N, C-alpha and C. Protein backbone atom coordinates (compact mmCIF):
# COMPACT_ATOMS: atom_id res chain seq x y z
N MET A 1 129.86 101.38 114.21
CA MET A 1 129.00 101.09 113.14
C MET A 1 127.80 100.32 113.75
N PRO A 2 126.54 100.63 113.36
CA PRO A 2 125.39 99.97 113.93
C PRO A 2 125.17 98.56 113.43
N TYR A 3 124.44 97.84 114.11
CA TYR A 3 124.00 96.51 113.70
C TYR A 3 122.96 96.73 112.52
N VAL A 4 123.13 96.00 111.38
CA VAL A 4 122.42 96.34 110.27
C VAL A 4 121.56 95.14 109.99
N VAL A 5 120.23 95.37 109.90
CA VAL A 5 119.19 94.42 109.55
C VAL A 5 118.64 94.79 108.18
N ALA A 6 118.93 93.82 107.23
CA ALA A 6 118.51 94.07 105.80
C ALA A 6 117.10 93.48 105.69
N LEU A 7 116.15 94.34 105.17
CA LEU A 7 114.75 93.90 104.97
C LEU A 7 114.56 93.76 103.43
N THR A 8 114.12 92.68 102.95
CA THR A 8 113.79 92.52 101.50
C THR A 8 112.49 91.70 101.27
N GLY A 9 112.20 91.53 100.10
CA GLY A 9 111.00 90.87 99.68
C GLY A 9 110.65 91.21 98.20
N GLY A 10 109.87 90.26 97.63
CA GLY A 10 109.55 90.52 96.24
C GLY A 10 108.62 91.61 96.05
N ILE A 11 108.32 92.09 94.85
CA ILE A 11 107.35 93.11 94.50
C ILE A 11 105.99 92.71 94.94
N GLY A 12 105.35 93.73 95.59
CA GLY A 12 103.97 93.54 96.18
C GLY A 12 103.91 92.74 97.52
N SER A 13 105.07 92.55 98.11
CA SER A 13 105.11 91.73 99.28
C SER A 13 104.74 92.49 100.51
N GLY A 14 104.85 93.85 100.47
CA GLY A 14 104.52 94.70 101.57
C GLY A 14 105.74 95.19 102.32
N LYS A 15 106.91 95.28 101.70
CA LYS A 15 108.14 95.76 102.37
C LYS A 15 107.97 97.04 102.96
N THR A 16 107.35 97.98 102.17
CA THR A 16 107.26 99.44 102.60
C THR A 16 106.42 99.48 103.96
N THR A 17 105.29 98.72 103.94
CA THR A 17 104.38 98.75 105.14
C THR A 17 105.11 98.21 106.40
N ILE A 18 105.90 97.19 106.24
CA ILE A 18 106.64 96.60 107.37
C ILE A 18 107.76 97.57 107.84
N ALA A 19 108.44 98.21 106.87
CA ALA A 19 109.53 99.21 107.17
C ALA A 19 108.94 100.35 107.95
N GLU A 20 107.75 100.87 107.49
CA GLU A 20 107.09 101.95 108.20
C GLU A 20 106.78 101.60 109.65
N MET A 21 106.39 100.29 109.92
CA MET A 21 105.97 99.85 111.24
C MET A 21 107.24 99.92 112.11
N PHE A 22 108.44 99.53 111.57
CA PHE A 22 109.70 99.66 112.29
C PHE A 22 110.10 101.15 112.50
N ALA A 23 109.77 101.94 111.53
CA ALA A 23 110.14 103.42 111.60
C ALA A 23 109.28 104.00 112.77
N ARG A 24 108.07 103.58 112.90
CA ARG A 24 107.27 104.09 114.01
C ARG A 24 107.68 103.69 115.39
N CYS A 25 108.50 102.63 115.46
CA CYS A 25 109.19 102.22 116.66
C CYS A 25 110.40 102.96 116.98
N GLY A 26 110.76 103.90 116.04
CA GLY A 26 111.99 104.72 116.25
C GLY A 26 113.17 104.21 115.49
N VAL A 27 113.05 103.14 114.78
CA VAL A 27 114.21 102.66 114.08
C VAL A 27 114.56 103.52 112.94
N LYS A 28 115.94 103.82 112.71
CA LYS A 28 116.30 104.51 111.59
C LYS A 28 116.30 103.54 110.25
N VAL A 29 115.70 104.02 109.26
CA VAL A 29 115.53 103.25 107.99
C VAL A 29 116.28 103.91 106.85
N ILE A 30 117.10 103.05 106.25
CA ILE A 30 117.84 103.44 104.98
C ILE A 30 117.22 102.64 103.82
N ASP A 31 116.64 103.38 102.93
CA ASP A 31 115.91 102.68 101.79
C ASP A 31 116.70 102.80 100.52
N ALA A 32 117.04 101.60 100.02
CA ALA A 32 117.97 101.56 98.78
C ALA A 32 117.26 102.28 97.63
N ASP A 33 115.97 102.29 97.51
CA ASP A 33 115.18 102.89 96.34
C ASP A 33 115.49 104.45 96.48
N ILE A 34 115.52 104.99 97.68
CA ILE A 34 115.65 106.41 97.88
C ILE A 34 117.08 106.78 97.54
N VAL A 35 118.05 105.94 97.99
CA VAL A 35 119.43 106.20 97.69
C VAL A 35 119.63 106.15 96.22
N SER A 36 119.04 105.17 95.54
CA SER A 36 119.18 105.05 94.09
C SER A 36 118.71 106.22 93.28
N ARG A 37 117.72 106.90 93.84
CA ARG A 37 117.20 108.11 93.28
C ARG A 37 118.10 109.33 93.54
N GLN A 38 118.71 109.32 94.72
CA GLN A 38 119.57 110.47 95.03
C GLN A 38 120.85 110.49 94.10
N VAL A 39 121.38 109.31 93.79
CA VAL A 39 122.61 109.30 93.04
C VAL A 39 122.40 109.69 91.52
N VAL A 40 121.17 109.69 91.07
CA VAL A 40 120.92 110.17 89.72
C VAL A 40 120.01 111.43 89.71
N GLN A 41 120.10 112.28 90.82
CA GLN A 41 119.39 113.50 90.72
C GLN A 41 119.91 114.43 89.57
N ALA A 42 119.18 115.35 89.15
CA ALA A 42 119.52 116.36 88.16
C ALA A 42 120.87 117.01 88.52
N GLY A 43 121.87 117.04 87.65
CA GLY A 43 123.13 117.66 87.90
C GLY A 43 124.18 116.72 88.51
N THR A 44 123.87 115.46 88.83
CA THR A 44 124.90 114.59 89.36
C THR A 44 125.75 113.97 88.20
N PRO A 45 126.99 113.60 88.58
CA PRO A 45 127.85 113.02 87.56
C PRO A 45 127.27 111.80 86.86
N ALA A 46 126.56 111.01 87.69
CA ALA A 46 125.93 109.70 87.15
C ALA A 46 124.88 110.07 86.16
N LEU A 47 124.04 111.00 86.31
CA LEU A 47 123.05 111.36 85.37
C LEU A 47 123.68 111.88 84.06
N LYS A 48 124.65 112.58 84.21
CA LYS A 48 125.36 113.15 82.98
C LYS A 48 125.89 111.92 82.12
N LYS A 49 126.44 110.89 82.79
CA LYS A 49 126.90 109.78 82.12
C LYS A 49 125.80 108.93 81.44
N ILE A 50 124.66 108.86 82.18
CA ILE A 50 123.48 108.16 81.68
C ILE A 50 122.94 108.97 80.40
N HIS A 51 122.86 110.28 80.45
CA HIS A 51 122.58 111.09 79.34
C HIS A 51 123.44 110.88 78.12
N GLN A 52 124.82 110.83 78.41
CA GLN A 52 125.69 110.62 77.26
C GLN A 52 125.52 109.27 76.69
N TYR A 53 125.08 108.26 77.46
CA TYR A 53 125.02 106.89 76.89
C TYR A 53 123.67 106.69 76.21
N PHE A 54 122.55 107.24 76.76
CA PHE A 54 121.22 106.97 76.23
C PHE A 54 120.55 107.97 75.35
N GLY A 55 121.22 109.16 75.46
CA GLY A 55 120.72 110.27 74.61
C GLY A 55 119.62 111.15 75.31
N ASP A 56 119.12 112.11 74.64
CA ASP A 56 118.16 113.14 75.16
C ASP A 56 116.91 112.51 75.76
N ARG A 57 116.46 111.34 75.17
CA ARG A 57 115.12 110.93 75.60
C ARG A 57 115.13 110.38 77.06
N VAL A 58 116.36 110.22 77.59
CA VAL A 58 116.41 109.66 79.02
C VAL A 58 116.21 110.79 79.98
N LEU A 59 116.07 112.09 79.47
CA LEU A 59 115.86 113.19 80.34
C LEU A 59 114.44 113.76 80.21
N LEU A 60 113.85 114.17 81.31
CA LEU A 60 112.63 114.85 81.36
C LEU A 60 112.77 116.41 80.99
N ALA A 61 111.69 117.08 80.76
CA ALA A 61 111.86 118.49 80.43
C ALA A 61 112.53 119.35 81.44
N ASP A 62 112.41 118.96 82.70
CA ASP A 62 113.04 119.66 83.79
C ASP A 62 114.54 119.22 84.12
N GLY A 63 115.04 118.38 83.24
CA GLY A 63 116.49 117.82 83.46
C GLY A 63 116.57 116.67 84.33
N GLY A 64 115.48 116.21 84.83
CA GLY A 64 115.51 114.99 85.65
C GLY A 64 115.46 113.76 84.86
N LEU A 65 115.69 112.47 85.49
CA LEU A 65 115.72 111.28 84.88
C LEU A 65 114.31 110.79 84.47
N ASN A 66 114.14 110.32 83.20
CA ASN A 66 113.00 109.79 82.70
C ASN A 66 112.88 108.27 83.03
N ARG A 67 112.43 108.02 84.23
CA ARG A 67 112.60 106.56 84.74
C ARG A 67 111.80 105.64 83.86
N SER A 68 110.59 106.03 83.59
CA SER A 68 109.70 104.98 82.82
C SER A 68 110.36 104.65 81.40
N TRP A 69 110.91 105.70 80.83
CA TRP A 69 111.51 105.39 79.45
C TRP A 69 112.84 104.49 79.72
N LEU A 70 113.57 104.85 80.71
CA LEU A 70 114.80 104.02 80.96
C LEU A 70 114.46 102.60 81.31
N ARG A 71 113.42 102.45 82.13
CA ARG A 71 113.04 101.15 82.60
C ARG A 71 112.71 100.28 81.39
N GLN A 72 111.96 100.87 80.37
CA GLN A 72 111.70 100.14 79.25
C GLN A 72 112.91 99.76 78.41
N GLN A 73 113.86 100.56 78.33
CA GLN A 73 115.06 100.38 77.55
C GLN A 73 115.90 99.25 78.21
N ILE A 74 116.06 99.34 79.46
CA ILE A 74 116.96 98.22 80.07
C ILE A 74 116.19 96.93 80.17
N PHE A 75 114.86 96.89 80.35
CA PHE A 75 114.05 95.67 80.34
C PHE A 75 114.26 94.91 79.05
N ALA A 76 114.47 95.73 77.87
CA ALA A 76 114.51 94.94 76.56
C ALA A 76 116.03 94.74 76.15
N ASP A 77 117.00 95.37 76.84
CA ASP A 77 118.34 95.27 76.37
C ASP A 77 119.28 94.99 77.51
N ALA A 78 119.81 93.75 77.52
CA ALA A 78 120.58 93.30 78.62
C ALA A 78 121.92 94.01 78.75
N GLU A 79 122.42 94.44 77.58
CA GLU A 79 123.75 95.12 77.60
C GLU A 79 123.59 96.47 78.24
N SER A 80 122.55 97.21 77.96
CA SER A 80 122.33 98.51 78.57
C SER A 80 122.01 98.37 80.02
N LYS A 81 121.25 97.25 80.42
CA LYS A 81 121.08 97.06 81.83
C LYS A 81 122.39 96.87 82.57
N ASN A 82 123.18 96.03 82.00
CA ASN A 82 124.51 95.69 82.64
C ASN A 82 125.35 97.00 82.78
N TRP A 83 125.30 97.86 81.75
CA TRP A 83 126.11 99.07 81.74
C TRP A 83 125.64 99.95 82.92
N LEU A 84 124.25 100.06 83.01
CA LEU A 84 123.69 100.91 84.09
C LEU A 84 124.01 100.43 85.43
N ASN A 85 123.90 99.11 85.60
CA ASN A 85 124.08 98.47 86.87
C ASN A 85 125.56 98.69 87.33
N ASN A 86 126.49 98.57 86.40
CA ASN A 86 127.97 98.78 86.66
C ASN A 86 128.15 100.20 87.02
N LEU A 87 127.43 101.12 86.53
CA LEU A 87 127.58 102.53 86.88
C LEU A 87 127.00 102.83 88.23
N LEU A 88 125.80 102.34 88.54
CA LEU A 88 125.06 102.81 89.66
C LEU A 88 125.37 101.97 90.92
N HIS A 89 125.56 100.71 90.80
CA HIS A 89 125.61 99.91 92.01
C HIS A 89 126.80 100.38 92.93
N PRO A 90 127.96 100.65 92.49
CA PRO A 90 129.05 101.12 93.36
C PRO A 90 128.58 102.48 93.97
N LEU A 91 127.97 103.30 93.28
CA LEU A 91 127.60 104.70 93.87
C LEU A 91 126.58 104.46 94.93
N ILE A 92 125.58 103.58 94.69
CA ILE A 92 124.53 103.29 95.66
C ILE A 92 125.04 102.72 96.89
N GLN A 93 126.03 101.71 96.74
CA GLN A 93 126.62 101.04 97.91
C GLN A 93 127.50 102.04 98.73
N GLN A 94 128.24 102.99 98.00
CA GLN A 94 129.03 104.02 98.68
C GLN A 94 128.20 104.94 99.51
N ARG A 95 127.06 105.38 98.95
CA ARG A 95 126.16 106.34 99.57
C ARG A 95 125.46 105.64 100.74
N THR A 96 125.14 104.37 100.47
CA THR A 96 124.48 103.67 101.70
C THR A 96 125.40 103.46 102.80
N GLN A 97 126.61 103.05 102.56
CA GLN A 97 127.59 102.98 103.65
C GLN A 97 127.77 104.32 104.40
N GLN A 98 127.83 105.44 103.66
CA GLN A 98 127.93 106.72 104.19
C GLN A 98 126.74 106.97 105.34
N LEU A 99 125.53 106.53 104.78
CA LEU A 99 124.38 106.80 105.70
C LEU A 99 124.37 105.88 106.88
N ILE A 100 124.88 104.66 106.71
CA ILE A 100 124.89 103.71 107.79
C ILE A 100 125.94 104.25 108.80
N ASP A 101 127.14 104.77 108.35
CA ASP A 101 128.13 105.25 109.25
C ASP A 101 127.69 106.36 110.03
N GLN A 102 126.73 107.16 109.60
CA GLN A 102 126.23 108.35 110.25
C GLN A 102 125.22 108.09 111.38
N ILE A 103 124.80 106.82 111.42
CA ILE A 103 123.73 106.40 112.51
C ILE A 103 124.46 106.20 113.88
N ALA A 104 123.94 106.90 114.83
CA ALA A 104 124.47 106.78 116.18
C ALA A 104 123.70 105.69 117.04
N ASP A 105 122.54 105.19 116.50
CA ASP A 105 121.80 104.18 117.23
C ASP A 105 122.43 102.83 117.19
N ASP A 106 121.99 101.90 117.95
CA ASP A 106 122.61 100.50 118.07
C ASP A 106 122.37 99.80 116.76
N TRP A 107 121.10 99.99 116.13
CA TRP A 107 120.86 99.17 114.97
C TRP A 107 120.03 100.07 113.96
N CYS A 108 120.03 99.61 112.71
CA CYS A 108 119.22 100.28 111.73
C CYS A 108 118.59 99.22 110.72
N LEU A 109 117.55 99.68 110.00
CA LEU A 109 116.98 98.83 109.01
C LEU A 109 117.33 99.28 107.54
N TRP A 110 117.82 98.44 106.86
CA TRP A 110 118.26 98.75 105.40
C TRP A 110 117.30 97.99 104.54
N VAL A 111 116.47 98.72 103.88
CA VAL A 111 115.45 98.13 102.93
C VAL A 111 116.05 98.03 101.54
N VAL A 112 116.17 96.75 101.08
CA VAL A 112 116.84 96.52 99.77
C VAL A 112 116.00 95.50 99.02
N PRO A 113 115.20 96.01 98.04
CA PRO A 113 114.36 95.11 97.29
C PRO A 113 115.13 94.03 96.49
N LEU A 114 116.30 94.32 96.03
CA LEU A 114 117.09 93.41 95.26
C LEU A 114 118.25 92.83 96.00
N LEU A 115 118.07 92.51 97.23
CA LEU A 115 119.14 91.94 98.12
C LEU A 115 119.59 90.71 97.56
N ALA A 116 118.71 89.77 97.26
CA ALA A 116 119.10 88.37 96.84
C ALA A 116 119.67 88.53 95.36
N GLU A 117 119.12 89.29 94.50
CA GLU A 117 119.48 89.41 93.12
C GLU A 117 120.96 89.95 93.00
N ASN A 118 121.29 90.93 93.86
CA ASN A 118 122.54 91.58 93.86
C ASN A 118 123.54 90.92 94.82
N ARG A 119 123.14 89.86 95.56
CA ARG A 119 123.91 89.08 96.47
C ARG A 119 124.55 90.01 97.57
N LEU A 120 123.62 90.85 98.06
CA LEU A 120 124.16 91.80 99.07
C LEU A 120 123.99 91.38 100.48
N HIS A 121 123.34 90.26 100.71
CA HIS A 121 122.96 89.76 102.04
C HIS A 121 124.14 89.71 102.99
N ASN A 122 125.29 89.50 102.49
CA ASN A 122 126.47 89.33 103.37
C ASN A 122 126.95 90.72 103.93
N ARG A 123 126.42 91.75 103.48
CA ARG A 123 126.72 93.08 103.94
C ARG A 123 125.92 93.46 105.14
N ALA A 124 124.96 92.57 105.47
CA ALA A 124 124.09 92.85 106.68
C ALA A 124 124.42 91.85 107.78
N ASP A 125 124.12 92.32 108.98
CA ASP A 125 124.24 91.40 110.17
C ASP A 125 123.20 90.38 110.11
N ARG A 126 121.91 90.71 109.65
CA ARG A 126 120.87 89.83 109.72
C ARG A 126 119.88 90.18 108.63
N VAL A 127 119.19 89.20 108.12
CA VAL A 127 118.34 89.41 106.94
C VAL A 127 116.81 89.04 107.29
N LEU A 128 115.97 90.03 107.03
CA LEU A 128 114.50 89.84 107.29
C LEU A 128 113.77 89.80 105.98
N VAL A 129 113.13 88.74 105.64
CA VAL A 129 112.37 88.67 104.47
C VAL A 129 110.84 88.83 104.63
N VAL A 130 110.24 89.73 103.86
CA VAL A 130 108.83 89.89 103.91
C VAL A 130 108.26 88.94 102.87
N ASP A 131 107.39 87.99 103.25
CA ASP A 131 107.01 86.92 102.17
C ASP A 131 105.51 86.86 102.12
N VAL A 132 105.10 86.77 100.84
CA VAL A 132 103.58 86.36 100.60
C VAL A 132 103.70 85.35 99.40
N ASP A 133 102.56 84.72 99.13
CA ASP A 133 102.55 83.78 98.02
C ASP A 133 102.50 84.68 96.66
N GLU A 134 102.97 84.06 95.58
CA GLU A 134 103.06 84.75 94.30
C GLU A 134 101.73 85.31 93.83
N GLU A 135 100.69 84.68 93.92
CA GLU A 135 99.40 85.22 93.60
C GLU A 135 99.01 86.48 94.26
N THR A 136 99.26 86.50 95.42
CA THR A 136 99.14 87.77 96.25
C THR A 136 100.00 88.88 95.70
N GLN A 137 101.30 88.56 95.38
CA GLN A 137 102.18 89.55 94.76
C GLN A 137 101.64 90.07 93.57
N VAL A 138 101.10 89.17 92.67
CA VAL A 138 100.55 89.66 91.31
C VAL A 138 99.40 90.53 91.57
N ARG A 139 98.45 90.14 92.45
CA ARG A 139 97.19 90.93 92.59
C ARG A 139 97.53 92.37 93.24
N ARG A 140 98.37 92.45 94.26
CA ARG A 140 98.81 93.65 94.89
C ARG A 140 99.60 94.54 93.81
N THR A 141 100.37 93.93 92.97
CA THR A 141 101.08 94.82 92.07
C THR A 141 100.16 95.29 91.00
N MET A 142 99.31 94.53 90.55
CA MET A 142 98.27 94.90 89.54
C MET A 142 97.51 96.22 90.07
N ALA A 143 97.04 96.07 91.31
CA ALA A 143 96.24 97.11 91.94
C ALA A 143 97.02 98.33 92.18
N ARG A 144 98.24 98.18 92.63
CA ARG A 144 99.12 99.33 93.04
C ARG A 144 99.55 100.14 91.84
N ASP A 145 100.01 99.40 90.79
CA ASP A 145 100.63 100.00 89.69
C ASP A 145 99.68 100.14 88.34
N ASN A 146 98.47 99.68 88.57
CA ASN A 146 97.42 99.70 87.44
C ASN A 146 98.02 99.07 86.18
N ILE A 147 98.42 97.83 86.38
CA ILE A 147 99.07 97.18 85.16
C ILE A 147 98.28 95.86 85.03
N THR A 148 98.53 95.14 83.86
CA THR A 148 97.85 93.91 83.60
C THR A 148 98.46 92.73 84.31
N ARG A 149 97.81 91.67 84.43
CA ARG A 149 98.27 90.40 85.03
C ARG A 149 99.56 90.08 84.50
N GLN A 150 99.71 90.05 83.14
CA GLN A 150 100.84 89.60 82.49
C GLN A 150 102.06 90.51 82.73
N GLN A 151 101.76 91.82 82.76
CA GLN A 151 102.91 92.74 83.13
C GLN A 151 103.46 92.50 84.58
N ALA A 152 102.42 92.29 85.54
CA ALA A 152 102.82 91.96 86.88
C ALA A 152 103.67 90.59 86.99
N ALA A 153 103.11 89.63 86.19
CA ALA A 153 103.87 88.28 86.17
C ALA A 153 105.32 88.45 85.60
N ASP A 154 105.43 89.30 84.67
CA ASP A 154 106.72 89.53 83.98
C ASP A 154 107.71 90.12 84.89
N ILE A 155 107.16 91.13 85.76
CA ILE A 155 108.11 91.79 86.69
C ILE A 155 108.54 90.74 87.75
N LEU A 156 107.51 89.87 88.21
CA LEU A 156 107.85 88.86 89.17
C LEU A 156 108.88 87.90 88.62
N ALA A 157 108.82 87.49 87.38
CA ALA A 157 109.65 86.48 86.84
C ALA A 157 111.09 87.00 86.63
N ALA A 158 111.20 88.39 86.58
CA ALA A 158 112.46 88.97 86.43
C ALA A 158 113.29 89.13 87.73
N GLN A 159 112.56 88.95 88.89
CA GLN A 159 113.12 89.02 90.16
C GLN A 159 113.62 87.69 90.57
N ALA A 160 114.44 87.76 91.70
CA ALA A 160 114.87 86.37 92.30
C ALA A 160 113.62 85.69 92.72
N SER A 161 113.77 84.32 92.84
CA SER A 161 112.51 83.51 93.18
C SER A 161 112.28 83.64 94.67
N ARG A 162 111.03 83.29 94.99
CA ARG A 162 110.66 83.33 96.38
C ARG A 162 111.54 82.45 97.26
N GLN A 163 111.81 81.29 96.65
CA GLN A 163 112.69 80.32 97.41
C GLN A 163 114.10 80.82 97.68
N SER A 164 114.66 81.56 96.73
CA SER A 164 116.08 82.15 96.85
C SER A 164 116.09 83.14 97.93
N ARG A 165 115.02 83.92 98.06
CA ARG A 165 115.02 84.89 99.16
C ARG A 165 114.92 84.24 100.58
N LEU A 166 114.10 83.25 100.52
CA LEU A 166 113.84 82.51 101.83
C LEU A 166 115.14 81.77 102.35
N GLU A 167 115.92 81.41 101.37
CA GLU A 167 117.17 80.71 101.68
C GLU A 167 118.20 81.64 102.40
N ILE A 168 118.16 82.94 102.12
CA ILE A 168 119.06 83.82 102.76
C ILE A 168 118.46 84.47 104.07
N ALA A 169 117.29 84.14 104.41
CA ALA A 169 116.54 84.82 105.47
C ALA A 169 116.99 84.24 106.88
N ASP A 170 117.19 85.16 107.74
CA ASP A 170 117.30 84.81 109.17
C ASP A 170 115.93 84.82 109.81
N ASP A 171 115.11 85.77 109.49
CA ASP A 171 113.79 85.85 109.91
C ASP A 171 112.83 86.16 108.77
N VAL A 172 111.60 85.74 108.96
CA VAL A 172 110.58 85.86 107.93
C VAL A 172 109.31 86.36 108.44
N ILE A 173 108.71 87.40 107.86
CA ILE A 173 107.37 87.89 108.19
C ILE A 173 106.43 87.33 107.06
N ASP A 174 105.48 86.57 107.51
CA ASP A 174 104.41 86.22 106.50
C ASP A 174 103.39 87.33 106.43
N ASN A 175 103.39 88.08 105.35
CA ASN A 175 102.68 89.29 105.30
C ASN A 175 101.23 89.16 104.68
N SER A 176 100.70 87.95 104.91
CA SER A 176 99.29 87.66 104.36
C SER A 176 98.29 87.88 105.33
N GLY A 177 98.66 88.25 106.65
CA GLY A 177 97.73 88.41 107.68
C GLY A 177 97.26 89.83 107.79
N SER A 178 96.60 90.12 108.93
CA SER A 178 96.03 91.51 109.20
C SER A 178 97.14 92.43 109.69
N PRO A 179 96.93 93.65 109.53
CA PRO A 179 97.87 94.74 110.04
C PRO A 179 98.23 94.52 111.54
N ALA A 180 97.21 94.17 112.33
CA ALA A 180 97.47 93.90 113.74
C ALA A 180 98.39 92.83 113.98
N GLU A 181 98.33 91.71 113.05
CA GLU A 181 99.18 90.58 113.27
C GLU A 181 100.58 90.98 112.82
N GLN A 182 100.71 91.84 111.82
CA GLN A 182 102.05 92.21 111.36
C GLN A 182 102.68 93.09 112.44
N GLN A 183 101.82 94.02 113.07
CA GLN A 183 102.51 94.90 114.08
C GLN A 183 102.97 94.06 115.28
N GLN A 184 102.31 92.98 115.61
CA GLN A 184 102.70 92.16 116.64
C GLN A 184 104.06 91.49 116.30
N LYS A 185 104.19 91.08 115.07
CA LYS A 185 105.48 90.43 114.59
C LYS A 185 106.64 91.38 114.62
N VAL A 186 106.28 92.66 114.16
CA VAL A 186 107.40 93.70 114.11
C VAL A 186 107.80 94.05 115.58
N ALA A 187 106.89 94.17 116.45
CA ALA A 187 107.15 94.43 117.90
C ALA A 187 108.11 93.34 118.47
N MET A 188 107.82 92.05 118.14
CA MET A 188 108.70 90.98 118.52
C MET A 188 110.05 91.03 117.97
N LEU A 189 110.16 91.35 116.64
CA LEU A 189 111.46 91.42 116.01
C LEU A 189 112.24 92.58 116.47
N TYR A 190 111.50 93.69 116.78
CA TYR A 190 112.20 94.87 117.20
C TYR A 190 112.93 94.51 118.56
N GLN A 191 112.30 93.84 119.46
CA GLN A 191 112.99 93.39 120.71
C GLN A 191 114.21 92.50 120.41
N ARG A 192 113.96 91.57 119.42
CA ARG A 192 115.04 90.66 119.05
C ARG A 192 116.30 91.40 118.55
N TYR A 193 115.96 92.39 117.64
CA TYR A 193 117.19 93.10 117.03
C TYR A 193 117.88 94.08 118.02
N GLN A 194 117.03 94.56 118.97
CA GLN A 194 117.66 95.39 120.04
C GLN A 194 118.64 94.59 120.82
N SER A 195 118.26 93.32 121.15
CA SER A 195 119.05 92.42 122.00
C SER A 195 120.38 91.98 121.22
N LEU A 196 120.17 91.76 119.90
CA LEU A 196 121.27 91.26 119.09
C LEU A 196 122.28 92.42 118.89
N ALA A 197 121.69 93.63 118.67
CA ALA A 197 122.57 94.82 118.52
C ALA A 197 123.37 95.18 119.77
N SER A 198 122.67 95.04 120.91
CA SER A 198 123.30 95.31 122.23
C SER A 198 124.40 94.24 122.53
N ALA A 199 124.14 93.02 122.08
CA ALA A 199 125.14 91.99 122.28
C ALA A 199 126.37 92.16 121.41
N LYS A 200 126.14 92.63 120.16
CA LYS A 200 127.27 92.90 119.33
C LYS A 200 128.11 94.16 119.76
N LYS A 201 127.36 95.15 120.23
CA LYS A 201 128.07 96.29 120.74
C LYS A 201 128.93 95.90 122.06
N GLY A 202 128.37 95.09 122.83
CA GLY A 202 129.09 94.77 124.12
C GLY A 202 130.34 93.90 123.75
N SER A 203 130.29 93.13 122.58
CA SER A 203 131.46 92.29 122.29
C SER A 203 132.60 92.96 121.55
N VAL A 204 132.30 94.27 121.14
CA VAL A 204 133.29 95.03 120.41
C VAL A 204 134.33 95.57 121.49
N PRO A 205 135.51 95.28 121.32
CA PRO A 205 136.55 95.89 122.31
C PRO A 205 136.69 97.35 122.22
């Protein structure tokens, strides 16, 4: 099993950009958002259960999941959110583990936006947090998603606090600098993770 580095950060922190920099170094990346979409694709048992619970409005015309409608429902209803989490989290974790087990390299990057919220950090060998100040998060989210400041602030408030993410971090990338600065930090961490993964591999009997 490879050495697993979990990458996380709040909305608008730039997780995707940093993950892409690692990918360009040749690192295998497992993205929790992609896995979460795979387990609810049209025709999957999970989507059928979601349809039974929420009704026809949760489906698009092509039979796929109406994500925007579902997001609104669970944002307003804690009971529905808990039901959905209880259905999907075990499936996502199972699929993630399958993908990790298939990796032949010494280490991989596991991108998990809700690592702190779902207390998953103990499943990784090391945690990398992409960090920016909250005002930057709000501005980036407004620009990216074309939403109001209040909507962006509400999303931020629903996530784990910046401090709670930093408390579980082994490494932190301050993502407020230039792309060249971030590339330099990624290159340094890449070498560090290569060494840690090799050391772990060498210690396994």
